PDB file of N, CA and C in Angstrom:
ATOM      1  N   MET A   1      16.768 -20.412 -19.093  1.00  0.00           N
ATOM      2  CA  MET A   1      16.881 -19.050 -18.588  1.00  0.00           C
ATOM      3  C   MET A   1      15.587 -18.278 -18.832  1.00  0.00           C
ATOM      4  N   LYS A   2      14.940 -18.492 -19.976  1.00  0.00           N
ATOM      5  CA  LYS A   2      13.715 -17.777 -20.280  1.00  0.00           C
ATOM      6  C   LYS A   2      12.587 -18.176 -19.347  1.00  0.00           C
ATOM      7  N   ASP A   3      12.582 -19.433 -18.894  1.00  0.00           N
ATOM      8  CA  ASP A   3      11.532 -19.895 -17.986  1.00  0.00           C
ATOM      9  C   ASP A   3      11.572 -19.157 -16.657  1.00  0.00           C
ATOM     10  N   LYS A   4      12.759 -18.885 -16.160  1.00  0.00           N
ATOM     11  CA  LYS A   4      12.883 -18.172 -14.884  1.00  0.00           C
ATOM     12  C   LYS A   4      12.357 -16.741 -15.008  1.00  0.00           C
ATOM     13  N   LYS A   5      12.650 -16.078 -16.087  1.00  0.00           N
ATOM     14  CA  LYS A   5      12.166 -14.712 -16.276  1.00  0.00           C
ATOM     15  C   LYS A   5      10.650 -14.690 -16.375  1.00  0.00           C
ATOM     16  N   LYS A   6      10.086 -15.654 -17.052  1.00  0.00           N
ATOM     17  CA  LYS A   6       8.637 -15.721 -17.184  1.00  0.00           C
ATOM     18  C   LYS A   6       7.985 -15.957 -15.831  1.00  0.00           C
ATOM     19  N   ASN A   7       8.573 -16.811 -15.023  1.00  0.00           N
ATOM     20  CA  ASN A   7       8.039 -17.108 -13.697  1.00  0.00           C
ATOM     21  C   ASN A   7       8.129 -15.891 -12.782  1.00  0.00           C
ATOM     22  N   ASN A   8       9.205 -15.131 -12.858  1.00  0.00           N
ATOM     23  CA  ASN A   8       9.359 -13.940 -12.021  1.00  0.00           C
ATOM     24  C   ASN A   8       8.303 -12.897 -12.353  1.00  0.00           C
ATOM     25  N   LYS A   9       7.970 -12.755 -13.613  1.00  0.00           N
ATOM     26  CA  LYS A   9       6.953 -11.780 -14.004  1.00  0.00           C
ATOM     27  C   LYS A   9       5.592 -12.162 -13.441  1.00  0.00           C
ATOM     28  N   ALA A  10       5.297 -13.437 -13.389  1.00  0.00           N
ATOM     29  CA  ALA A  10       4.021 -13.882 -12.833  1.00  0.00           C
ATOM     30  C   ALA A  10       3.948 -13.565 -11.345  1.00  0.00           C
ATOM     31  N   ASN A  11       5.034 -13.746 -10.630  1.00  0.00           N
ATOM     32  CA  ASN A  11       5.051 -13.445  -9.200  1.00  0.00           C
ATOM     33  C   ASN A  11       4.919 -11.953  -8.943  1.00  0.00           C
ATOM     34  N   GLN A  12       5.471 -11.135  -9.791  1.00  0.00           N
ATOM     35  CA  GLN A  12       5.359  -9.693  -9.620  1.00  0.00           C
ATOM     36  C   GLN A  12       3.929  -9.231  -9.827  1.00  0.00           C
ATOM     37  N   GLY A  13       3.218  -9.880 -10.707  1.00  0.00           N
ATOM     38  CA  GLY A  13       1.829  -9.520 -10.954  1.00  0.00           C
ATOM     39  C   GLY A  13       0.964  -9.784  -9.740  1.00  0.00           C
ATOM     40  N   VAL A  14       1.209 -10.887  -9.060  1.00  0.00           N
ATOM     41  CA  VAL A  14       0.432 -11.211  -7.867  1.00  0.00           C
ATOM     42  C   VAL A  14       0.721 -10.206  -6.758  1.00  0.00           C
ATOM     43  N   SER A  15       1.984  -9.894  -6.526  1.00  0.00           N
ATOM     44  CA  SER A  15       2.311  -8.946  -5.465  1.00  0.00           C
ATOM     45  C   SER A  15       1.802  -7.546  -5.808  1.00  0.00           C
ATOM     46  N   GLY A  16       1.808  -7.199  -7.070  1.00  0.00           N
ATOM     47  CA  GLY A  16       1.259  -5.905  -7.489  1.00  0.00           C
ATOM     48  C   GLY A  16      -0.239  -5.833  -7.260  1.00  0.00           C
ATOM     49  N   GLY A  17      -0.913  -6.949  -7.494  1.00  0.00           N
ATOM     50  CA  GLY A  17      -2.358  -7.003  -7.247  1.00  0.00           C
ATOM     51  C   GLY A  17      -2.688  -6.871  -5.775  1.00  0.00           C
ATOM     52  N   ILE A  18      -1.895  -7.518  -4.933  1.00  0.00           N
ATOM     53  CA  ILE A  18      -2.106  -7.415  -3.486  1.00  0.00           C
ATOM     54  C   ILE A  18      -1.849  -5.989  -3.019  1.00  0.00           C
ATOM     55  N   TYR A  19      -0.784  -5.377  -3.528  1.00  0.00           N
ATOM     56  CA  TYR A  19      -0.502  -3.981  -3.184  1.00  0.00           C
ATOM     57  C   TYR A  19      -1.637  -3.077  -3.652  1.00  0.00           C
ATOM     58  N   GLY A  20      -2.155  -3.337  -4.846  1.00  0.00           N
ATOM     59  CA  GLY A  20      -3.255  -2.536  -5.380  1.00  0.00           C
ATOM     60  C   GLY A  20      -4.502  -2.632  -4.514  1.00  0.00           C
ATOM     61  N   LEU A  21      -4.830  -3.833  -4.064  1.00  0.00           N
ATOM     62  CA  LEU A  21      -5.978  -3.988  -3.170  1.00  0.00           C
ATOM     63  C   LEU A  21      -5.746  -3.271  -1.838  1.00  0.00           C
ATOM     64  N   GLY A  22      -4.521  -3.347  -1.342  1.00  0.00           N
ATOM     65  CA  GLY A  22      -4.192  -2.628  -0.108  1.00  0.00           C
ATOM     66  C   GLY A  22      -4.296  -1.130  -0.292  1.00  0.00           C
ATOM     67  N   TRP A  23      -3.880  -0.639  -1.454  1.00  0.00           N
ATOM     68  CA  TRP A  23      -3.964   0.793  -1.734  1.00  0.00           C
ATOM     69  C   TRP A  23      -5.421   1.244  -1.793  1.00  0.00           C
ATOM     70  N   ILE A  24      -6.258   0.449  -2.457  1.00  0.00           N
ATOM     71  CA  ILE A  24      -7.675   0.809  -2.538  1.00  0.00           C
ATOM     72  C   ILE A  24      -8.300   0.821  -1.146  1.00  0.00           C
ATOM     73  N   GLY A  25      -7.957  -0.169  -0.328  1.00  0.00           N
ATOM     74  CA  GLY A  25      -8.471  -0.206   1.038  1.00  0.00           C
ATOM     75  C   GLY A  25      -8.025   0.996   1.854  1.00  0.00           C
ATOM     76  N   ALA A  26      -6.750   1.362   1.727  1.00  0.00           N
ATOM     77  CA  ALA A  26      -6.245   2.535   2.446  1.00  0.00           C
ATOM     78  C   ALA A  26      -6.904   3.807   1.935  1.00  0.00           C
ATOM     79  N   LEU A  27      -7.116   3.901   0.633  1.00  0.00           N
ATOM     80  CA  LEU A  27      -7.772   5.072   0.052  1.00  0.00           C
ATOM     81  C   LEU A  27      -9.187   5.225   0.590  1.00  0.00           C
ATOM     82  N   VAL A  28      -9.937   4.144   0.602  1.00  0.00           N
ATOM     83  CA  VAL A  28     -11.305   4.193   1.121  1.00  0.00           C
ATOM     84  C   VAL A  28     -11.298   4.569   2.606  1.00  0.00           C
ATOM     85  N   TYR A  29     -10.389   3.976   3.371  1.00  0.00           N
ATOM     86  CA  TYR A  29     -10.321   4.267   4.806  1.00  0.00           C
ATOM     87  C   TYR A  29     -10.022   5.743   5.065  1.00  0.00           C
ATOM     88  N   TYR A  30      -8.957   6.246   4.460  1.00  0.00           N
ATOM     89  CA  TYR A  30      -8.551   7.627   4.733  1.00  0.00           C
ATOM     90  C   TYR A  30      -9.570   8.643   4.224  1.00  0.00           C
ATOM     91  N   ILE A  31     -10.137   8.415   3.060  1.00  0.00           N
ATOM     92  CA  ILE A  31     -11.097   9.375   2.521  1.00  0.00           C
ATOM     93  C   ILE A  31     -12.409   9.326   3.300  1.00  0.00           C
ATOM     94  N   SER A  32     -12.816   8.150   3.755  1.00  0.00           N
ATOM     95  CA  SER A  32     -14.063   8.060   4.517  1.00  0.00           C
ATOM     96  C   SER A  32     -13.950   8.742   5.879  1.00  0.00           C
ATOM     97  N   HIS A  33     -12.734   8.887   6.386  1.00  0.00           N
ATOM     98  CA  HIS A  33     -12.541   9.568   7.663  1.00  0.00           C
ATOM     99  C   HIS A  33     -12.210  11.050   7.513  1.00  0.00           C
ATOM    100  N   ALA A  34     -12.210  11.547   6.286  1.00  0.00           N
ATOM    101  CA  ALA A  34     -11.896  12.956   6.043  1.00  0.00           C
ATOM    102  C   ALA A  34     -13.107  13.822   6.368  1.00  0.00           C
ATOM    103  N   ALA A  35     -12.851  14.950   7.033  1.00  0.00           N
ATOM    104  CA  ALA A  35     -13.926  15.863   7.406  1.00  0.00           C
ATOM    105  C   ALA A  35     -14.080  17.010   6.405  1.00  0.00           C
ATOM    106  N   SER A  36     -13.107  17.195   5.529  1.00  0.00           N
ATOM    107  CA  SER A  36     -13.164  18.289   4.564  1.00  0.00           C
ATOM    108  C   SER A  36     -12.506  17.851   3.261  1.00  0.00           C
ATOM    109  N   PHE A  37     -12.575  18.735   2.275  1.00  0.00           N
ATOM    110  CA  PHE A  37     -11.944  18.442   0.989  1.00  0.00           C
ATOM    111  C   PHE A  37     -10.446  18.237   1.150  1.00  0.00           C
ATOM    112  N   TRP A  38      -9.796  19.127   1.894  1.00  0.00           N
ATOM    113  CA  TRP A  38      -8.350  19.027   2.061  1.00  0.00           C
ATOM    114  C   TRP A  38      -7.976  17.827   2.910  1.00  0.00           C
ATOM    115  N   GLY A  39      -8.857  17.429   3.797  1.00  0.00           N
ATOM    116  CA  GLY A  39      -8.646  16.185   4.525  1.00  0.00           C
ATOM    117  C   GLY A  39      -8.680  14.992   3.584  1.00  0.00           C
ATOM    118  N   GLY A  40      -9.562  15.053   2.570  1.00  0.00           N
ATOM    119  CA  GLY A  40      -9.609  14.007   1.559  1.00  0.00           C
ATOM    120  C   GLY A  40      -8.359  13.973   0.708  1.00  0.00           C
ATOM    121  N   VAL A  41      -7.835  15.155   0.373  1.00  0.00           N
ATOM    122  CA  VAL A  41      -6.585  15.226  -0.388  1.00  0.00           C
ATOM    123  C   VAL A  41      -5.446  14.633   0.431  1.00  0.00           C
ATOM    124  N   LEU A  42      -5.385  14.985   1.711  1.00  0.00           N
ATOM    125  CA  LEU A  42      -4.367  14.425   2.588  1.00  0.00           C
ATOM    126  C   LEU A  42      -4.546  12.911   2.724  1.00  0.00           C
ATOM    127  N   GLY A  43      -5.790  12.451   2.784  1.00  0.00           N
ATOM    128  CA  GLY A  43      -6.062  11.021   2.834  1.00  0.00           C
ATOM    129  C   GLY A  43      -5.569  10.303   1.585  1.00  0.00           C
ATOM    130  N   PHE A  44      -5.746  10.923   0.421  1.00  0.00           N
ATOM    131  CA  PHE A  44      -5.239  10.347  -0.819  1.00  0.00           C
ATOM    132  C   PHE A  44      -3.720  10.215  -0.766  1.00  0.00           C
ATOM    133  N   LEU A  45      -3.056  11.265  -0.304  1.00  0.00           N
ATOM    134  CA  LEU A  45      -1.591  11.221  -0.221  1.00  0.00           C
ATOM    135  C   LEU A  45      -1.127  10.168   0.781  1.00  0.00           C
ATOM    136  N   LYS A  46      -1.823  10.057   1.907  1.00  0.00           N
ATOM    137  CA  LYS A  46      -1.478   9.033   2.896  1.00  0.00           C
ATOM    138  C   LYS A  46      -1.667   7.639   2.330  1.00  0.00           C
ATOM    139  N   SER A  47      -2.697   7.461   1.504  1.00  0.00           N
ATOM    140  CA  SER A  47      -2.946   6.132   0.941  1.00  0.00           C
ATOM    141  C   SER A  47      -1.833   5.705  -0.010  1.00  0.00           C
ATOM    142  N   LEU A  48      -1.126   6.667  -0.587  1.00  0.00           N
ATOM    143  CA  LEU A  48      -0.014   6.329  -1.477  1.00  0.00           C
ATOM    144  C   LEU A  48       1.191   5.798  -0.713  1.00  0.00           C
ATOM    145  N   VAL A  49       1.356   6.225   0.527  1.00  0.00           N
ATOM    146  CA  VAL A  49       2.549   5.847   1.296  1.00  0.00           C
ATOM    147  C   VAL A  49       2.213   4.976   2.504  1.00  0.00           C
ATOM    148  N   TRP A  50       1.051   4.306   2.502  1.00  0.00           N
ATOM    149  CA  TRP A  50       0.672   3.502   3.652  1.00  0.00           C
ATOM    150  C   TRP A  50       1.658   2.387   3.974  1.00  0.00           C
ATOM    151  N   PRO A  51       2.371   1.788   3.001  1.00  0.00           N
ATOM    152  CA  PRO A  51       3.323   0.747   3.395  1.00  0.00           C
ATOM    153  C   PRO A  51       4.452   1.277   4.276  1.00  0.00           C
ATOM    154  N   ILE A  52       4.810   2.537   4.098  1.00  0.00           N
ATOM    155  CA  ILE A  52       5.855   3.126   4.933  1.00  0.00           C
ATOM    156  C   ILE A  52       5.395   3.153   6.386  1.00  0.00           C
ATOM    157  N   PHE A  53       4.143   3.570   6.626  1.00  0.00           N
ATOM    158  CA  PHE A  53       3.615   3.584   7.983  1.00  0.00           C
ATOM    159  C   PHE A  53       3.557   2.175   8.559  1.00  0.00           C
ATOM    160  N   LEU A  54       3.157   1.214   7.746  1.00  0.00           N
ATOM    161  CA  LEU A  54       3.046  -0.169   8.182  1.00  0.00           C
ATOM    162  C   LEU A  54       4.402  -0.726   8.609  1.00  0.00           C
ATOM    163  N   VAL A  55       5.410  -0.552   7.785  1.00  0.00           N
ATOM    164  CA  VAL A  55       6.743  -1.070   8.099  1.00  0.00           C
ATOM    165  C   VAL A  55       7.320  -0.353   9.311  1.00  0.00           C
ATOM    166  N   TYR A  56       7.126   0.945   9.416  1.00  0.00           N
ATOM    167  CA  TYR A  56       7.629   1.706  10.558  1.00  0.00           C
ATOM    168  C   TYR A  56       7.024   1.193  11.862  1.00  0.00           C
ATOM    169  N   GLU A  57       5.708   1.028  11.893  1.00  0.00           N
ATOM    170  CA  GLU A  57       5.052   0.550  13.104  1.00  0.00           C
ATOM    171  C   GLU A  57       5.450  -0.890  13.427  1.00  0.00           C
ATOM    172  N   LEU A  58       5.637  -1.719  12.400  1.00  0.00           N
ATOM    173  CA  LEU A  58       6.063  -3.097  12.622  1.00  0.00           C
ATOM    174  C   LEU A  58       7.457  -3.137  13.222  1.00  0.00           C
ATOM    175  N   LEU A  59       8.373  -2.341  12.693  1.00  0.00           N
ATOM    176  CA  LEU A  59       9.727  -2.304  13.240  1.00  0.00           C
ATOM    177  C   LEU A  59       9.745  -1.740  14.656  1.00  0.00           C
ATOM    178  N   LYS A  60       8.897  -0.738  14.917  1.00  0.00           N
ATOM    179  CA  LYS A  60       8.820  -0.188  16.259  1.00  0.00           C
ATOM    180  C   LYS A  60       8.287  -1.236  17.231  1.00  0.00           C
ATOM    181  N   TYR A  61       7.311  -2.011  16.801  1.00  0.00           N
ATOM    182  CA  TYR A  61       6.734  -3.068  17.628  1.00  0.00           C
ATOM    183  C   TYR A  61       7.772  -4.160  17.929  1.00  0.00           C
ATOM    184  N   LEU A  62       8.583  -4.492  16.919  1.00  0.00           N
ATOM    185  CA  LEU A  62       9.602  -5.532  17.094  1.00  0.00           C
ATOM    186  C   LEU A  62      10.821  -5.035  17.877  1.00  0.00           C
ATOM    187  N   GLY A  63      10.919  -3.742  18.094  1.00  0.00           N
ATOM    188  CA  GLY A  63      12.019  -3.175  18.856  1.00  0.00           C
ATOM    189  C   GLY A  63      13.290  -2.999  18.044  1.00  0.00           C
ATOM    190  N   ALA A  64      13.163  -2.908  16.748  1.00  0.00           N
ATOM    191  CA  ALA A  64      14.339  -2.748  15.897  1.00  0.00           C
ATOM    192  C   ALA A  64      14.726  -1.288  15.771  1.00  0.00           C
TER     193      ALA A  64
END
């Protein structure tokens, strides 16, 4: 039983790392396209919720 818990934690670390890299990429993208300070703040907030936009557009594309 302990082996399964240890293995699950390792998998969570990898997915967290991938999410972290995606967040950094979204942060750089949104902030680099900001024209003002408040645009940068909005870009930061958008970078926090980018997976929501991704899943929404994917579901819309699939017709769900």
